[in-house]
Amino acid sequence: MRFFSAQHEFDYSWEEVSTNNWRKYCPWNDKAEHVLAVDTLSRSLDSETHILRTERLITVKQAAPALMKRFLGAEDTSYVYEVSYVDPQAKRVTMLSQNMTWSELLSVQEKVQYTPSLTPGKTTFEQSAKIIALCGGWQKIKNTIEEFSVERFKQNAVKGREGFERVLAVSRQVFAEQREQARREKAVL
């Protein structure tokens, strides 16, 4: 079993981050070209807590390691199941995801959380993952698979943050332009 964790501070408010979280895999994110589809399976709003719960299936194109392709017939398309909770009162977005593809051999459980930073106007991003090679037998093989998976996870995490930064920047610019246009139109009236 291996663990990964990272923390980052986005220079955007929690409101901007939590809203744009749904745009994370949009065309503005040039680092997410591997995401083929994001399908919402269910969405519900708790009438008492006002927590929005969403289940999504994320289809990803990822090159499977040559060893897996050769011996196991692995495909380049994989699936990830994600459950997210948006708590507007606590100002917290929590996303939990689990790989579905090859889950009998490798379990990757990820948790992401966005909360307001102690610095006003910024948002704290916390990411953690637990990676477990489930293939029985030799510990050395399991360790190798887990270490490889953690390294790949680290690389993808950096790309993910960079891509989301771009989504946040473009979104801020687009909405600023729309507000300015609305202001000008209102001034003409």
N, C-alpha and C. Protein backbone atom coordinates (compact mmCIF):
# COMPACT_ATOMS: atom_id res chain seq x y z
N MET A 1 0.84 -1.16 0.00
CA MET A 1 0.00 0.00 0.00
C MET A 1 0.89 1.24 0.00
N ARG A 2 0.53 2.19 -0.84
CA ARG A 2 1.27 3.45 -0.94
C ARG A 2 0.28 4.60 -0.81
N PHE A 3 0.79 5.74 -0.31
CA PHE A 3 -0.04 6.91 -0.14
C PHE A 3 0.56 8.09 -0.89
N PHE A 4 -0.31 8.98 -1.31
CA PHE A 4 0.10 10.21 -1.96
C PHE A 4 -0.72 11.32 -1.33
N SER A 5 -0.10 12.45 -1.10
CA SER A 5 -0.86 13.62 -0.63
C SER A 5 -0.19 14.88 -1.15
N ALA A 6 -1.03 15.87 -1.38
CA ALA A 6 -0.55 17.16 -1.86
C ALA A 6 -1.50 18.24 -1.39
N GLN A 7 -0.97 19.43 -1.26
CA GLN A 7 -1.78 20.58 -0.88
C GLN A 7 -1.35 21.74 -1.77
N HIS A 8 -2.32 22.56 -2.11
CA HIS A 8 -2.05 23.69 -3.00
C HIS A 8 -3.03 24.80 -2.61
N GLU A 9 -2.62 26.03 -2.86
CA GLU A 9 -3.52 27.14 -2.61
C GLU A 9 -3.82 27.83 -3.94
N PHE A 10 -5.09 27.84 -4.31
CA PHE A 10 -5.51 28.53 -5.52
C PHE A 10 -5.76 29.99 -5.18
N ASP A 11 -5.36 30.88 -6.07
CA ASP A 11 -5.52 32.31 -5.87
C ASP A 11 -6.91 32.75 -6.35
N TYR A 12 -7.91 31.97 -5.97
CA TYR A 12 -9.30 32.22 -6.35
C TYR A 12 -10.18 31.93 -5.14
N SER A 13 -11.31 32.60 -5.06
CA SER A 13 -12.20 32.41 -3.92
C SER A 13 -12.83 31.02 -3.96
N TRP A 14 -13.34 30.59 -2.82
CA TRP A 14 -14.00 29.29 -2.74
C TRP A 14 -15.20 29.25 -3.69
N GLU A 15 -15.90 30.36 -3.82
CA GLU A 15 -17.06 30.42 -4.72
C GLU A 15 -16.63 30.17 -6.16
N GLU A 16 -15.52 30.79 -6.58
CA GLU A 16 -15.02 30.56 -7.94
C GLU A 16 -14.59 29.11 -8.15
N VAL A 17 -13.86 28.58 -7.17
CA VAL A 17 -13.34 27.22 -7.29
C VAL A 17 -14.47 26.21 -7.29
N SER A 18 -15.41 26.35 -6.36
CA SER A 18 -16.49 25.37 -6.27
C SER A 18 -17.40 25.42 -7.49
N THR A 19 -17.60 26.59 -8.06
CA THR A 19 -18.41 26.71 -9.27
C THR A 19 -17.68 26.12 -10.47
N ASN A 20 -16.41 26.43 -10.60
CA ASN A 20 -15.65 25.96 -11.76
C ASN A 20 -15.23 24.50 -11.65
N ASN A 21 -15.39 23.90 -10.49
CA ASN A 21 -15.10 22.48 -10.35
C ASN A 21 -15.87 21.67 -11.39
N TRP A 22 -17.09 22.11 -11.73
CA TRP A 22 -17.91 21.40 -12.71
C TRP A 22 -17.39 21.62 -14.13
N ARG A 23 -16.53 22.59 -14.34
CA ARG A 23 -15.95 22.87 -15.66
C ARG A 23 -14.53 22.31 -15.78
N LYS A 24 -14.10 21.58 -14.80
CA LYS A 24 -12.71 21.12 -14.74
C LYS A 24 -12.26 20.39 -16.01
N TYR A 25 -13.16 19.67 -16.64
CA TYR A 25 -12.80 18.90 -17.83
C TYR A 25 -13.34 19.51 -19.12
N CYS A 26 -13.57 20.81 -19.11
CA CYS A 26 -14.09 21.49 -20.30
C CYS A 26 -12.95 21.77 -21.29
N PRO A 27 -13.28 22.25 -22.48
CA PRO A 27 -12.24 22.55 -23.49
C PRO A 27 -11.20 23.57 -23.04
N TRP A 28 -11.49 24.38 -22.03
CA TRP A 28 -10.51 25.34 -21.53
C TRP A 28 -9.32 24.64 -20.90
N ASN A 29 -9.51 23.40 -20.46
CA ASN A 29 -8.45 22.66 -19.77
C ASN A 29 -7.65 21.85 -20.78
N ASP A 30 -6.56 22.41 -21.24
CA ASP A 30 -5.73 21.73 -22.25
C ASP A 30 -4.89 20.61 -21.65
N LYS A 31 -4.96 20.44 -20.34
CA LYS A 31 -4.22 19.35 -19.67
C LYS A 31 -5.11 18.12 -19.45
N ALA A 32 -6.37 18.20 -19.86
CA ALA A 32 -7.32 17.11 -19.61
C ALA A 32 -7.81 16.48 -20.91
N GLU A 33 -6.95 16.49 -21.92
CA GLU A 33 -7.35 15.90 -23.20
C GLU A 33 -7.57 14.40 -23.09
N HIS A 34 -7.04 13.78 -22.04
CA HIS A 34 -7.22 12.35 -21.83
C HIS A 34 -8.62 12.01 -21.31
N VAL A 35 -9.36 13.01 -20.85
CA VAL A 35 -10.72 12.77 -20.36
C VAL A 35 -11.65 12.76 -21.58
N LEU A 36 -12.23 11.60 -21.84
CA LEU A 36 -13.09 11.43 -23.01
C LEU A 36 -14.53 11.82 -22.74
N ALA A 37 -15.00 11.55 -21.51
CA ALA A 37 -16.40 11.85 -21.18
C ALA A 37 -16.56 11.94 -19.67
N VAL A 38 -17.52 12.76 -19.27
CA VAL A 38 -17.92 12.85 -17.87
C VAL A 38 -19.44 12.75 -17.87
N ASP A 39 -19.93 11.66 -17.33
CA ASP A 39 -21.37 11.42 -17.31
C ASP A 39 -21.90 11.51 -15.88
N THR A 40 -22.91 12.35 -15.69
CA THR A 40 -23.54 12.46 -14.38
C THR A 40 -24.54 11.32 -14.24
N LEU A 41 -24.34 10.50 -13.21
CA LEU A 41 -25.21 9.35 -12.97
C LEU A 41 -26.39 9.72 -12.08
N SER A 42 -26.14 10.56 -11.09
CA SER A 42 -27.22 11.03 -10.22
C SER A 42 -26.79 12.32 -9.54
N ARG A 43 -27.81 13.07 -9.13
CA ARG A 43 -27.55 14.32 -8.41
C ARG A 43 -28.73 14.53 -7.46
N SER A 44 -28.42 14.83 -6.21
CA SER A 44 -29.49 15.08 -5.25
C SER A 44 -29.08 16.19 -4.29
N LEU A 45 -30.08 16.90 -3.80
CA LEU A 45 -29.85 17.99 -2.86
C LEU A 45 -30.60 17.66 -1.58
N ASP A 46 -29.87 17.59 -0.48
CA ASP A 46 -30.48 17.31 0.81
C ASP A 46 -31.22 18.56 1.27
N SER A 47 -32.51 18.44 1.50
CA SER A 47 -33.32 19.62 1.83
C SER A 47 -32.98 20.20 3.21
N GLU A 48 -32.42 19.39 4.10
CA GLU A 48 -32.08 19.90 5.43
C GLU A 48 -30.67 20.50 5.47
N THR A 49 -29.68 19.79 4.93
CA THR A 49 -28.29 20.25 5.01
C THR A 49 -27.88 21.11 3.82
N HIS A 50 -28.65 21.05 2.74
CA HIS A 50 -28.36 21.75 1.48
C HIS A 50 -27.07 21.24 0.82
N ILE A 51 -26.68 20.03 1.18
CA ILE A 51 -25.50 19.42 0.56
C ILE A 51 -25.91 18.80 -0.78
N LEU A 52 -25.18 19.18 -1.82
CA LEU A 52 -25.40 18.64 -3.16
C LEU A 52 -24.52 17.41 -3.32
N ARG A 53 -25.13 16.26 -3.60
CA ARG A 53 -24.39 15.01 -3.80
C ARG A 53 -24.52 14.63 -5.28
N THR A 54 -23.37 14.38 -5.91
CA THR A 54 -23.34 14.05 -7.34
C THR A 54 -22.49 12.81 -7.55
N GLU A 55 -22.99 11.90 -8.37
CA GLU A 55 -22.24 10.72 -8.78
C GLU A 55 -21.93 10.86 -10.26
N ARG A 56 -20.67 10.64 -10.62
CA ARG A 56 -20.27 10.76 -12.02
C ARG A 56 -19.40 9.58 -12.43
N LEU A 57 -19.46 9.27 -13.71
CA LEU A 57 -18.58 8.28 -14.32
C LEU A 57 -17.67 9.04 -15.27
N ILE A 58 -16.37 8.91 -15.05
CA ILE A 58 -15.39 9.63 -15.87
C ILE A 58 -14.67 8.60 -16.74
N THR A 59 -14.72 8.82 -18.04
CA THR A 59 -14.07 7.93 -19.00
C THR A 59 -12.77 8.58 -19.43
N VAL A 60 -11.68 7.84 -19.26
CA VAL A 60 -10.34 8.38 -19.46
C VAL A 60 -9.58 7.51 -20.45
N LYS A 61 -8.81 8.16 -21.32
CA LYS A 61 -7.90 7.44 -22.20
C LYS A 61 -6.51 7.55 -21.59
N GLN A 62 -5.99 6.41 -21.15
CA GLN A 62 -4.68 6.37 -20.53
C GLN A 62 -3.94 5.18 -21.10
N ALA A 63 -2.75 5.40 -21.51
CA ALA A 63 -1.97 4.29 -22.05
C ALA A 63 -1.65 3.32 -20.92
N ALA A 64 -2.14 2.11 -21.07
CA ALA A 64 -1.83 1.07 -20.09
C ALA A 64 -0.37 0.67 -20.24
N PRO A 65 0.28 0.32 -19.14
CA PRO A 65 1.68 -0.13 -19.23
C PRO A 65 1.78 -1.33 -20.18
N ALA A 66 2.88 -1.41 -20.92
CA ALA A 66 3.07 -2.47 -21.92
C ALA A 66 2.92 -3.85 -21.30
N LEU A 67 3.40 -4.02 -20.09
CA LEU A 67 3.30 -5.31 -19.41
C LEU A 67 1.85 -5.72 -19.23
N MET A 68 1.01 -4.78 -18.83
CA MET A 68 -0.41 -5.10 -18.65
C MET A 68 -1.07 -5.42 -19.98
N LYS A 69 -0.71 -4.67 -21.01
CA LYS A 69 -1.27 -4.94 -22.33
C LYS A 69 -0.90 -6.33 -22.81
N ARG A 70 0.35 -6.68 -22.64
CA ARG A 70 0.85 -7.95 -23.13
C ARG A 70 0.23 -9.14 -22.40
N PHE A 71 0.24 -9.08 -21.07
CA PHE A 71 -0.20 -10.24 -20.30
C PHE A 71 -1.68 -10.25 -19.96
N LEU A 72 -2.27 -9.08 -19.82
CA LEU A 72 -3.65 -9.03 -19.36
C LEU A 72 -4.62 -8.49 -20.40
N GLY A 73 -4.11 -8.04 -21.52
CA GLY A 73 -4.99 -7.51 -22.55
C GLY A 73 -5.62 -6.19 -22.16
N ALA A 74 -4.93 -5.40 -21.38
CA ALA A 74 -5.46 -4.12 -20.90
C ALA A 74 -5.77 -3.18 -22.05
N GLU A 75 -6.81 -2.41 -21.88
CA GLU A 75 -7.22 -1.41 -22.86
C GLU A 75 -6.69 -0.03 -22.46
N ASP A 76 -6.73 0.90 -23.40
CA ASP A 76 -6.30 2.26 -23.11
C ASP A 76 -7.42 3.13 -22.53
N THR A 77 -8.64 2.61 -22.51
CA THR A 77 -9.77 3.34 -21.95
C THR A 77 -10.06 2.79 -20.57
N SER A 78 -10.19 3.70 -19.60
CA SER A 78 -10.50 3.27 -18.24
C SER A 78 -11.61 4.14 -17.67
N TYR A 79 -12.19 3.65 -16.58
CA TYR A 79 -13.34 4.32 -15.97
C TYR A 79 -13.07 4.60 -14.50
N VAL A 80 -13.54 5.77 -14.07
CA VAL A 80 -13.40 6.20 -12.68
C VAL A 80 -14.78 6.60 -12.18
N TYR A 81 -15.13 6.12 -11.00
CA TYR A 81 -16.40 6.47 -10.36
C TYR A 81 -16.10 7.56 -9.33
N GLU A 82 -16.87 8.64 -9.38
CA GLU A 82 -16.65 9.78 -8.48
C GLU A 82 -17.95 10.15 -7.77
N VAL A 83 -17.85 10.39 -6.48
CA VAL A 83 -18.96 10.94 -5.70
C VAL A 83 -18.47 12.24 -5.11
N SER A 84 -19.25 13.30 -5.29
CA SER A 84 -18.84 14.58 -4.73
C SER A 84 -19.94 15.14 -3.85
N TYR A 85 -19.51 15.94 -2.87
CA TYR A 85 -20.41 16.59 -1.93
C TYR A 85 -20.03 18.07 -1.89
N VAL A 86 -21.01 18.92 -2.17
CA VAL A 86 -20.79 20.36 -2.07
C VAL A 86 -21.61 20.84 -0.88
N ASP A 87 -20.92 21.33 0.13
CA ASP A 87 -21.57 21.81 1.35
C ASP A 87 -21.42 23.33 1.38
N PRO A 88 -22.46 24.07 0.95
CA PRO A 88 -22.34 25.53 0.88
C PRO A 88 -22.28 26.20 2.25
N GLN A 89 -22.83 25.55 3.28
CA GLN A 89 -22.79 26.15 4.61
C GLN A 89 -21.39 26.05 5.22
N ALA A 90 -20.76 24.89 5.08
CA ALA A 90 -19.39 24.71 5.60
C ALA A 90 -18.35 25.21 4.61
N LYS A 91 -18.80 25.57 3.41
CA LYS A 91 -17.91 25.96 2.31
C LYS A 91 -16.83 24.90 2.11
N ARG A 92 -17.32 23.71 1.71
CA ARG A 92 -16.42 22.59 1.49
C ARG A 92 -16.94 21.76 0.31
N VAL A 93 -16.05 21.48 -0.62
CA VAL A 93 -16.32 20.54 -1.70
C VAL A 93 -15.43 19.33 -1.44
N THR A 94 -16.04 18.15 -1.40
CA THR A 94 -15.31 16.91 -1.20
C THR A 94 -15.62 15.98 -2.35
N MET A 95 -14.58 15.46 -2.97
CA MET A 95 -14.75 14.51 -4.08
C MET A 95 -13.99 13.24 -3.74
N LEU A 96 -14.68 12.12 -3.86
CA LEU A 96 -14.09 10.81 -3.61
C LEU A 96 -14.17 10.03 -4.91
N SER A 97 -13.06 9.44 -5.34
CA SER A 97 -13.09 8.69 -6.58
C SER A 97 -12.38 7.35 -6.41
N GLN A 98 -12.78 6.42 -7.25
CA GLN A 98 -12.26 5.05 -7.21
C GLN A 98 -12.17 4.55 -8.65
N ASN A 99 -11.02 3.96 -8.98
CA ASN A 99 -10.90 3.37 -10.31
C ASN A 99 -11.84 2.17 -10.42
N MET A 100 -12.43 1.99 -11.58
CA MET A 100 -13.28 0.82 -11.84
C MET A 100 -12.55 -0.17 -12.74
N THR A 101 -11.72 0.35 -13.62
CA THR A 101 -10.99 -0.51 -14.55
C THR A 101 -9.82 -1.16 -13.81
N TRP A 102 -9.68 -2.43 -13.94
CA TRP A 102 -8.63 -3.23 -13.32
C TRP A 102 -8.62 -3.11 -11.80
N SER A 103 -9.78 -2.84 -11.23
CA SER A 103 -9.87 -2.66 -9.78
C SER A 103 -9.60 -3.95 -9.00
N GLU A 104 -9.67 -5.09 -9.67
CA GLU A 104 -9.34 -6.35 -8.99
C GLU A 104 -7.83 -6.53 -8.86
N LEU A 105 -7.05 -5.71 -9.61
CA LEU A 105 -5.59 -5.79 -9.54
C LEU A 105 -4.95 -4.59 -8.84
N LEU A 106 -5.59 -3.43 -8.99
CA LEU A 106 -5.03 -2.20 -8.45
C LEU A 106 -6.18 -1.31 -7.99
N SER A 107 -6.14 -0.91 -6.74
CA SER A 107 -7.16 -0.02 -6.19
C SER A 107 -6.54 1.36 -5.99
N VAL A 108 -7.19 2.36 -6.60
CA VAL A 108 -6.75 3.75 -6.44
C VAL A 108 -7.94 4.52 -5.89
N GLN A 109 -7.84 4.94 -4.63
CA GLN A 109 -8.89 5.70 -3.97
C GLN A 109 -8.35 7.11 -3.73
N GLU A 110 -9.06 8.09 -4.29
CA GLU A 110 -8.60 9.47 -4.19
C GLU A 110 -9.63 10.32 -3.45
N LYS A 111 -9.12 11.26 -2.69
CA LYS A 111 -9.97 12.24 -2.02
C LYS A 111 -9.43 13.62 -2.33
N VAL A 112 -10.32 14.51 -2.74
CA VAL A 112 -9.96 15.90 -3.02
C VAL A 112 -10.91 16.78 -2.21
N GLN A 113 -10.36 17.82 -1.62
CA GLN A 113 -11.20 18.73 -0.86
C GLN A 113 -10.77 20.17 -1.12
N TYR A 114 -11.79 21.03 -1.33
CA TYR A 114 -11.58 22.46 -1.50
C TYR A 114 -12.25 23.17 -0.33
N THR A 115 -11.50 24.01 0.37
CA THR A 115 -12.04 24.81 1.47
C THR A 115 -11.44 26.22 1.39
N PRO A 116 -12.13 27.20 1.97
CA PRO A 116 -11.55 28.55 1.96
C PRO A 116 -10.22 28.57 2.70
N SER A 117 -9.28 29.28 2.16
CA SER A 117 -7.97 29.43 2.78
C SER A 117 -8.08 30.41 3.94
N LEU A 118 -7.09 30.39 4.81
CA LEU A 118 -7.03 31.40 5.86
C LEU A 118 -6.74 32.77 5.26
N THR A 119 -6.15 32.78 4.06
CA THR A 119 -5.89 34.02 3.33
C THR A 119 -7.15 34.36 2.54
N PRO A 120 -7.77 35.49 2.81
CA PRO A 120 -9.03 35.85 2.12
C PRO A 120 -8.87 35.82 0.59
N GLY A 121 -9.90 35.32 -0.07
CA GLY A 121 -9.92 35.29 -1.52
C GLY A 121 -9.17 34.11 -2.13
N LYS A 122 -8.66 33.22 -1.29
CA LYS A 122 -7.94 32.06 -1.79
C LYS A 122 -8.63 30.78 -1.31
N THR A 123 -8.30 29.67 -1.99
CA THR A 123 -8.90 28.38 -1.66
C THR A 123 -7.82 27.33 -1.48
N THR A 124 -7.96 26.56 -0.41
CA THR A 124 -7.03 25.47 -0.13
C THR A 124 -7.52 24.20 -0.82
N PHE A 125 -6.61 23.55 -1.50
CA PHE A 125 -6.87 22.30 -2.21
C PHE A 125 -6.05 21.22 -1.51
N GLU A 126 -6.72 20.17 -1.07
CA GLU A 126 -6.02 19.03 -0.45
C GLU A 126 -6.38 17.78 -1.24
N GLN A 127 -5.37 17.02 -1.59
CA GLN A 127 -5.54 15.81 -2.38
C GLN A 127 -4.80 14.67 -1.72
N SER A 128 -5.45 13.53 -1.61
CA SER A 128 -4.78 12.35 -1.08
C SER A 128 -5.25 11.14 -1.87
N ALA A 129 -4.40 10.12 -1.89
CA ALA A 129 -4.73 8.89 -2.59
C ALA A 129 -4.12 7.71 -1.86
N LYS A 130 -4.84 6.61 -1.90
CA LYS A 130 -4.34 5.34 -1.37
C LYS A 130 -4.30 4.38 -2.53
N ILE A 131 -3.14 3.82 -2.79
CA ILE A 131 -2.92 2.93 -3.94
C ILE A 131 -2.49 1.57 -3.42
N ILE A 132 -3.27 0.55 -3.80
CA ILE A 132 -3.00 -0.80 -3.32
C ILE A 132 -2.97 -1.76 -4.50
N ALA A 133 -1.84 -2.43 -4.68
CA ALA A 133 -1.76 -3.51 -5.67
C ALA A 133 -2.37 -4.75 -5.04
N LEU A 134 -3.38 -5.30 -5.69
CA LEU A 134 -4.13 -6.42 -5.12
C LEU A 134 -3.72 -7.76 -5.70
N CYS A 135 -2.78 -7.72 -6.63
CA CYS A 135 -2.34 -8.98 -7.23
C CYS A 135 -1.63 -9.80 -6.16
N GLY A 136 -2.04 -11.03 -6.01
CA GLY A 136 -1.43 -11.89 -4.99
C GLY A 136 0.00 -12.24 -5.37
N GLY A 137 0.68 -12.82 -4.43
CA GLY A 137 2.01 -13.32 -4.75
C GLY A 137 3.13 -12.46 -4.25
N TRP A 138 4.08 -12.22 -5.12
CA TRP A 138 5.35 -11.61 -4.76
C TRP A 138 5.22 -10.16 -4.34
N GLN A 139 5.76 -9.89 -3.17
CA GLN A 139 5.71 -8.54 -2.62
C GLN A 139 6.50 -7.57 -3.49
N LYS A 140 7.59 -8.05 -4.09
CA LYS A 140 8.41 -7.18 -4.93
C LYS A 140 7.61 -6.67 -6.13
N ILE A 141 6.79 -7.53 -6.72
CA ILE A 141 5.96 -7.12 -7.86
C ILE A 141 4.91 -6.11 -7.40
N LYS A 142 4.28 -6.38 -6.27
CA LYS A 142 3.28 -5.46 -5.72
C LYS A 142 3.91 -4.10 -5.44
N ASN A 143 5.10 -4.10 -4.82
CA ASN A 143 5.78 -2.84 -4.52
C ASN A 143 6.10 -2.07 -5.80
N THR A 144 6.56 -2.78 -6.81
CA THR A 144 6.89 -2.14 -8.09
C THR A 144 5.66 -1.51 -8.72
N ILE A 145 4.55 -2.23 -8.72
CA ILE A 145 3.30 -1.71 -9.29
C ILE A 145 2.83 -0.49 -8.51
N GLU A 146 2.88 -0.56 -7.19
CA GLU A 146 2.44 0.57 -6.36
C GLU A 146 3.34 1.79 -6.55
N GLU A 147 4.64 1.58 -6.59
CA GLU A 147 5.57 2.70 -6.77
C GLU A 147 5.38 3.36 -8.14
N PHE A 148 5.21 2.53 -9.18
CA PHE A 148 4.95 3.06 -10.51
C PHE A 148 3.66 3.87 -10.52
N SER A 149 2.63 3.33 -9.86
CA SER A 149 1.32 3.98 -9.84
C SER A 149 1.36 5.30 -9.08
N VAL A 150 2.09 5.35 -7.98
CA VAL A 150 2.21 6.60 -7.21
C VAL A 150 2.94 7.65 -8.05
N GLU A 151 3.99 7.25 -8.73
CA GLU A 151 4.74 8.19 -9.57
C GLU A 151 3.86 8.75 -10.68
N ARG A 152 3.10 7.89 -11.32
CA ARG A 152 2.19 8.34 -12.38
C ARG A 152 1.12 9.26 -11.79
N PHE A 153 0.61 8.91 -10.62
CA PHE A 153 -0.39 9.73 -9.94
C PHE A 153 0.15 11.13 -9.67
N LYS A 154 1.40 11.21 -9.19
CA LYS A 154 2.04 12.51 -8.92
C LYS A 154 2.10 13.36 -10.19
N GLN A 155 2.53 12.75 -11.29
CA GLN A 155 2.63 13.47 -12.55
C GLN A 155 1.27 13.97 -13.01
N ASN A 156 0.26 13.12 -12.90
CA ASN A 156 -1.09 13.51 -13.31
C ASN A 156 -1.67 14.58 -12.39
N ALA A 157 -1.32 14.53 -11.11
CA ALA A 157 -1.81 15.52 -10.15
C ALA A 157 -1.30 16.91 -10.51
N VAL A 158 -0.04 17.00 -10.91
CA VAL A 158 0.53 18.30 -11.31
C VAL A 158 -0.20 18.82 -12.55
N LYS A 159 -0.39 17.96 -13.54
CA LYS A 159 -1.13 18.36 -14.75
C LYS A 159 -2.55 18.79 -14.40
N GLY A 160 -3.18 18.06 -13.48
CA GLY A 160 -4.55 18.38 -13.09
C GLY A 160 -4.66 19.76 -12.47
N ARG A 161 -3.73 20.09 -11.58
CA ARG A 161 -3.75 21.42 -10.96
C ARG A 161 -3.47 22.50 -11.99
N GLU A 162 -2.52 22.27 -12.88
CA GLU A 162 -2.21 23.25 -13.93
C GLU A 162 -3.43 23.48 -14.83
N GLY A 163 -4.09 22.40 -15.20
CA GLY A 163 -5.27 22.51 -16.05
C GLY A 163 -6.40 23.26 -15.37
N PHE A 164 -6.61 22.96 -14.08
CA PHE A 164 -7.68 23.63 -13.35
C PHE A 164 -7.35 25.11 -13.15
N GLU A 165 -6.08 25.44 -12.96
CA GLU A 165 -5.67 26.86 -12.89
C GLU A 165 -6.08 27.59 -14.17
N ARG A 166 -5.89 26.93 -15.30
CA ARG A 166 -6.27 27.54 -16.58
C ARG A 166 -7.77 27.74 -16.66
N VAL A 167 -8.54 26.74 -16.24
CA VAL A 167 -10.00 26.86 -16.24
C VAL A 167 -10.42 28.03 -15.37
N LEU A 168 -9.83 28.16 -14.20
CA LEU A 168 -10.17 29.26 -13.30
C LEU A 168 -9.83 30.62 -13.92
N ALA A 169 -8.66 30.72 -14.55
CA ALA A 169 -8.23 31.99 -15.16
C ALA A 169 -9.15 32.37 -16.32
N VAL A 170 -9.44 31.42 -17.19
CA VAL A 170 -10.31 31.71 -18.34
C VAL A 170 -11.71 32.07 -17.86
N SER A 171 -12.21 31.34 -16.89
CA SER A 171 -13.54 31.61 -16.35
C SER A 171 -13.62 33.02 -15.77
N ARG A 172 -12.61 33.40 -15.00
CA ARG A 172 -12.60 34.75 -14.41
C ARG A 172 -12.61 35.80 -15.51
N GLN A 173 -11.83 35.58 -16.55
CA GLN A 173 -11.76 36.53 -17.67
C GLN A 173 -13.10 36.61 -18.41
N VAL A 174 -13.68 35.46 -18.72
CA VAL A 174 -14.94 35.42 -19.47
C VAL A 174 -16.06 36.10 -18.68
N PHE A 175 -16.16 35.79 -17.40
CA PHE A 175 -17.22 36.40 -16.60
C PHE A 175 -16.99 37.89 -16.40
N ALA A 176 -15.74 38.32 -16.30
CA ALA A 176 -15.45 39.75 -16.19
C ALA A 176 -15.89 40.47 -17.47
N GLU A 177 -15.60 39.85 -18.62
CA GLU A 177 -16.03 40.43 -19.90
C GLU A 177 -17.55 40.50 -20.00
N GLN A 178 -18.23 39.47 -19.53
CA GLN A 178 -19.69 39.46 -19.58
C GLN A 178 -20.27 40.53 -18.65
N ARG A 179 -19.69 40.69 -17.47
CA ARG A 179 -20.16 41.72 -16.55
C ARG A 179 -19.94 43.11 -17.14
N GLU A 180 -18.78 43.31 -17.78
CA GLU A 180 -18.49 44.60 -18.41
C GLU A 180 -19.46 44.89 -19.55
N GLN A 181 -19.75 43.89 -20.35
CA GLN A 181 -20.69 44.06 -21.45
C GLN A 181 -22.08 44.39 -20.92
N ALA A 182 -22.52 43.71 -19.87
CA ALA A 182 -23.83 43.98 -19.27
C ALA A 182 -23.88 45.40 -18.70
N ARG A 183 -22.75 45.83 -18.08
CA ARG A 183 -22.69 47.19 -17.53
C ARG A 183 -22.82 48.23 -18.64
N ARG A 184 -22.12 48.01 -19.76
CA ARG A 184 -22.18 48.93 -20.89
C ARG A 184 -23.59 48.99 -21.49
N GLU A 185 -24.21 47.82 -21.63
CA GLU A 185 -25.57 47.78 -22.18
C GLU A 185 -26.55 48.48 -21.26
N LYS A 186 -26.35 48.34 -19.95
CA LYS A 186 -27.23 48.99 -18.99
C LYS A 186 -27.02 50.50 -19.05
N ALA A 187 -25.78 50.94 -19.24
CA ALA A 187 -25.48 52.37 -19.31
C ALA A 187 -26.11 53.01 -20.54
N VAL A 188 -26.23 52.27 -21.63
CA VAL A 188 -26.83 52.78 -22.88
C VAL A 188 -28.31 52.99 -22.70
N LEU A 189 -28.94 52.14 -21.92
CA LEU A 189 -30.39 52.27 -21.70
C LEU A 189 -30.66 53.49 -20.88
